[in-house]
Amino acid sequence: MTYTATITSKGQITIPRVARMALKSTTVEIEVRGEEVILRPVQSVAGALSAYAGGKESLTEIRGKVWQEVADEKAGRTA
């Protein structure tokens, strides 16, 4: 099936319910192939912070490291 959606001035679209139900996920991977855009469901993003985990650190410690890295990047500092 083909559906039409409007892109807002903020670059947002509403994905039709039928398409959302088919994805079975609230997180999607977006691939751009020329003039085509492909959405694929992402079932788990659990590994997204794995690069920051150095063993048995708590989520709070990992989150702190991520926030510090973002702050350093915004301030122009590199690790």
N, C-alpha and C. Protein backbone atom coordinates (compact mmCIF):
# COMPACT_ATOMS: atom_id res chain seq x y z
N MET A 1 0.82 -1.18 0.00
CA MET A 1 0.00 0.00 0.00
C MET A 1 0.87 1.24 0.00
N THR A 2 0.37 2.30 -0.54
CA THR A 2 1.07 3.57 -0.57
C THR A 2 0.25 4.61 0.17
N TYR A 3 0.89 5.41 1.01
CA TYR A 3 0.24 6.46 1.75
C TYR A 3 0.95 7.77 1.46
N THR A 4 0.25 8.87 1.63
CA THR A 4 0.83 10.20 1.43
C THR A 4 0.88 10.91 2.77
N ALA A 5 2.01 11.53 3.07
CA ALA A 5 2.16 12.31 4.30
C ALA A 5 2.79 13.65 3.95
N THR A 6 2.48 14.65 4.72
CA THR A 6 3.02 15.98 4.51
C THR A 6 4.20 16.20 5.46
N ILE A 7 5.27 16.78 4.95
CA ILE A 7 6.42 17.11 5.79
C ILE A 7 6.20 18.52 6.32
N THR A 8 6.23 18.69 7.64
CA THR A 8 6.00 20.00 8.25
C THR A 8 7.23 20.88 8.08
N SER A 9 7.10 22.15 8.45
CA SER A 9 8.22 23.07 8.36
C SER A 9 9.36 22.67 9.30
N LYS A 10 9.05 21.84 10.30
CA LYS A 10 10.08 21.34 11.22
C LYS A 10 10.66 20.00 10.75
N GLY A 11 10.26 19.55 9.57
CA GLY A 11 10.79 18.30 9.03
C GLY A 11 10.13 17.06 9.59
N GLN A 12 8.96 17.18 10.16
CA GLN A 12 8.27 16.05 10.77
C GLN A 12 7.17 15.52 9.87
N ILE A 13 6.89 14.23 10.00
CA ILE A 13 5.75 13.62 9.32
C ILE A 13 5.00 12.77 10.32
N THR A 14 3.75 12.49 10.03
CA THR A 14 2.98 11.54 10.82
C THR A 14 2.94 10.26 10.02
N ILE A 15 3.43 9.20 10.63
CA ILE A 15 3.42 7.90 9.97
C ILE A 15 2.03 7.30 10.16
N PRO A 16 1.36 6.92 9.09
CA PRO A 16 0.01 6.36 9.21
C PRO A 16 -0.03 5.16 10.16
N ARG A 17 -1.14 5.00 10.85
CA ARG A 17 -1.29 3.94 11.85
C ARG A 17 -0.98 2.57 11.27
N VAL A 18 -1.45 2.30 10.07
CA VAL A 18 -1.20 1.00 9.44
C VAL A 18 0.30 0.73 9.33
N ALA A 19 1.07 1.75 8.96
CA ALA A 19 2.52 1.60 8.83
C ALA A 19 3.16 1.43 10.21
N ARG A 20 2.70 2.19 11.21
CA ARG A 20 3.24 2.05 12.57
C ARG A 20 2.99 0.65 13.11
N MET A 21 1.80 0.15 12.86
CA MET A 21 1.47 -1.20 13.33
C MET A 21 2.35 -2.25 12.63
N ALA A 22 2.64 -2.04 11.36
CA ALA A 22 3.49 -2.97 10.62
C ALA A 22 4.93 -2.95 11.16
N LEU A 23 5.39 -1.78 11.59
CA LEU A 23 6.76 -1.67 12.12
C LEU A 23 6.92 -2.40 13.45
N LYS A 24 5.87 -2.42 14.27
CA LYS A 24 5.88 -3.08 15.58
C LYS A 24 7.01 -2.57 16.47
N SER A 25 7.35 -1.30 16.34
CA SER A 25 8.42 -0.70 17.13
C SER A 25 8.21 0.81 17.15
N THR A 26 8.67 1.45 18.21
CA THR A 26 8.61 2.91 18.26
C THR A 26 9.94 3.55 17.88
N THR A 27 10.93 2.71 17.59
CA THR A 27 12.24 3.20 17.16
C THR A 27 12.51 2.63 15.77
N VAL A 28 12.93 3.49 14.84
CA VAL A 28 13.18 3.03 13.48
C VAL A 28 14.57 3.43 13.02
N GLU A 29 15.08 2.64 12.12
CA GLU A 29 16.33 2.94 11.42
C GLU A 29 15.90 3.54 10.08
N ILE A 30 16.58 4.61 9.67
CA ILE A 30 16.23 5.29 8.43
C ILE A 30 17.37 5.14 7.44
N GLU A 31 17.06 4.63 6.27
CA GLU A 31 18.06 4.49 5.20
C GLU A 31 17.61 5.32 4.01
N VAL A 32 18.55 6.09 3.46
CA VAL A 32 18.25 6.89 2.28
C VAL A 32 18.97 6.26 1.10
N ARG A 33 18.21 5.90 0.08
CA ARG A 33 18.74 5.30 -1.15
C ARG A 33 18.29 6.18 -2.32
N GLY A 34 19.16 7.09 -2.71
CA GLY A 34 18.79 7.99 -3.79
C GLY A 34 17.59 8.82 -3.39
N GLU A 35 16.48 8.64 -4.10
CA GLU A 35 15.25 9.37 -3.80
C GLU A 35 14.29 8.58 -2.92
N GLU A 36 14.70 7.41 -2.45
CA GLU A 36 13.86 6.58 -1.59
C GLU A 36 14.33 6.67 -0.14
N VAL A 37 13.37 6.62 0.78
CA VAL A 37 13.66 6.57 2.21
C VAL A 37 13.03 5.30 2.75
N ILE A 38 13.83 4.50 3.43
CA ILE A 38 13.35 3.21 3.93
C ILE A 38 13.38 3.24 5.46
N LEU A 39 12.25 2.85 6.08
CA LEU A 39 12.17 2.73 7.53
C LEU A 39 12.20 1.27 7.90
N ARG A 40 13.04 0.93 8.87
CA ARG A 40 13.10 -0.43 9.39
C ARG A 40 12.95 -0.38 10.89
N PRO A 41 12.20 -1.31 11.47
CA PRO A 41 12.04 -1.30 12.92
C PRO A 41 13.33 -1.69 13.63
N VAL A 42 13.57 -1.05 14.77
CA VAL A 42 14.69 -1.41 15.64
C VAL A 42 14.03 -1.99 16.89
N GLN A 43 14.27 -3.25 17.13
CA GLN A 43 13.62 -3.92 18.25
C GLN A 43 14.31 -3.64 19.58
N SER A 44 15.62 -3.40 19.55
CA SER A 44 16.35 -3.17 20.80
C SER A 44 17.45 -2.16 20.58
N VAL A 45 17.53 -1.19 21.44
CA VAL A 45 18.63 -0.23 21.39
C VAL A 45 19.53 -0.41 22.61
N ALA A 46 19.48 -1.59 23.21
CA ALA A 46 20.22 -1.86 24.44
C ALA A 46 21.72 -1.69 24.27
N GLY A 47 22.25 -1.92 23.08
CA GLY A 47 23.68 -1.80 22.89
C GLY A 47 24.14 -0.40 22.57
N ALA A 48 23.25 0.55 22.53
CA ALA A 48 23.60 1.91 22.13
C ALA A 48 24.63 2.56 23.05
N LEU A 49 24.63 2.20 24.32
CA LEU A 49 25.58 2.79 25.27
C LEU A 49 26.72 1.85 25.63
N SER A 50 26.81 0.72 24.94
CA SER A 50 27.81 -0.29 25.32
C SER A 50 29.24 0.22 25.23
N ALA A 51 29.52 1.19 24.33
CA ALA A 51 30.88 1.72 24.22
C ALA A 51 31.31 2.46 25.48
N TYR A 52 30.36 2.91 26.28
CA TYR A 52 30.67 3.66 27.49
C TYR A 52 30.78 2.77 28.72
N ALA A 53 30.36 1.54 28.58
CA ALA A 53 30.40 0.62 29.71
C ALA A 53 31.79 0.02 29.83
N GLY A 54 32.39 0.17 30.97
CA GLY A 54 33.73 -0.36 31.18
C GLY A 54 33.72 -1.49 32.18
N GLY A 55 32.70 -2.24 32.23
CA GLY A 55 32.61 -3.33 33.19
C GLY A 55 31.25 -3.33 33.84
N LYS A 56 31.25 -3.18 35.17
CA LYS A 56 29.99 -3.25 35.90
C LYS A 56 29.56 -1.87 36.40
N GLU A 57 29.66 -0.88 35.54
CA GLU A 57 29.23 0.46 35.91
C GLU A 57 27.71 0.55 35.89
N SER A 58 27.19 1.37 36.76
CA SER A 58 25.73 1.55 36.80
C SER A 58 25.30 2.42 35.62
N LEU A 59 24.01 2.37 35.34
CA LEU A 59 23.47 3.20 34.27
C LEU A 59 23.71 4.68 34.58
N THR A 60 23.63 5.05 35.84
CA THR A 60 23.87 6.45 36.24
C THR A 60 25.29 6.87 35.90
N GLU A 61 26.26 6.02 36.15
CA GLU A 61 27.65 6.33 35.83
C GLU A 61 27.86 6.42 34.32
N ILE A 62 27.26 5.50 33.59
CA ILE A 62 27.38 5.52 32.13
C ILE A 62 26.74 6.78 31.58
N ARG A 63 25.55 7.12 32.08
CA ARG A 63 24.85 8.32 31.63
C ARG A 63 25.70 9.56 31.90
N GLY A 64 26.35 9.61 33.06
CA GLY A 64 27.23 10.73 33.39
C GLY A 64 28.37 10.87 32.40
N LYS A 65 28.96 9.75 32.02
CA LYS A 65 30.04 9.78 31.03
C LYS A 65 29.55 10.30 29.68
N VAL A 66 28.37 9.86 29.28
CA VAL A 66 27.81 10.30 28.00
C VAL A 66 27.56 11.79 28.04
N TRP A 67 26.92 12.29 29.11
CA TRP A 67 26.64 13.72 29.22
C TRP A 67 27.93 14.54 29.22
N GLN A 68 28.97 14.05 29.91
CA GLN A 68 30.24 14.78 29.93
C GLN A 68 30.86 14.82 28.54
N GLU A 69 30.79 13.70 27.82
CA GLU A 69 31.32 13.67 26.45
C GLU A 69 30.59 14.66 25.55
N VAL A 70 29.27 14.72 25.68
CA VAL A 70 28.48 15.66 24.88
C VAL A 70 28.85 17.10 25.25
N ALA A 71 28.97 17.38 26.54
CA ALA A 71 29.33 18.73 26.98
C ALA A 71 30.71 19.11 26.46
N ASP A 72 31.68 18.19 26.54
CA ASP A 72 33.02 18.46 26.03
C ASP A 72 33.00 18.74 24.53
N GLU A 73 32.22 17.95 23.81
CA GLU A 73 32.12 18.12 22.37
C GLU A 73 31.52 19.49 22.04
N LYS A 74 30.47 19.88 22.76
CA LYS A 74 29.82 21.18 22.53
C LYS A 74 30.78 22.33 22.86
N ALA A 75 31.65 22.13 23.84
CA ALA A 75 32.59 23.17 24.25
C ALA A 75 33.85 23.18 23.39
N GLY A 76 33.94 22.23 22.46
CA GLY A 76 35.10 22.18 21.57
C GLY A 76 36.28 21.43 22.16
N ARG A 77 36.05 20.74 23.26
CA ARG A 77 37.12 19.95 23.88
C ARG A 77 37.04 18.52 23.35
N THR A 78 38.19 17.89 23.18
CA THR A 78 38.21 16.50 22.75
C THR A 78 38.88 15.66 23.81
N ALA A 79 38.49 14.40 23.86
CA ALA A 79 39.03 13.49 24.88
C ALA A 79 40.39 12.99 24.52
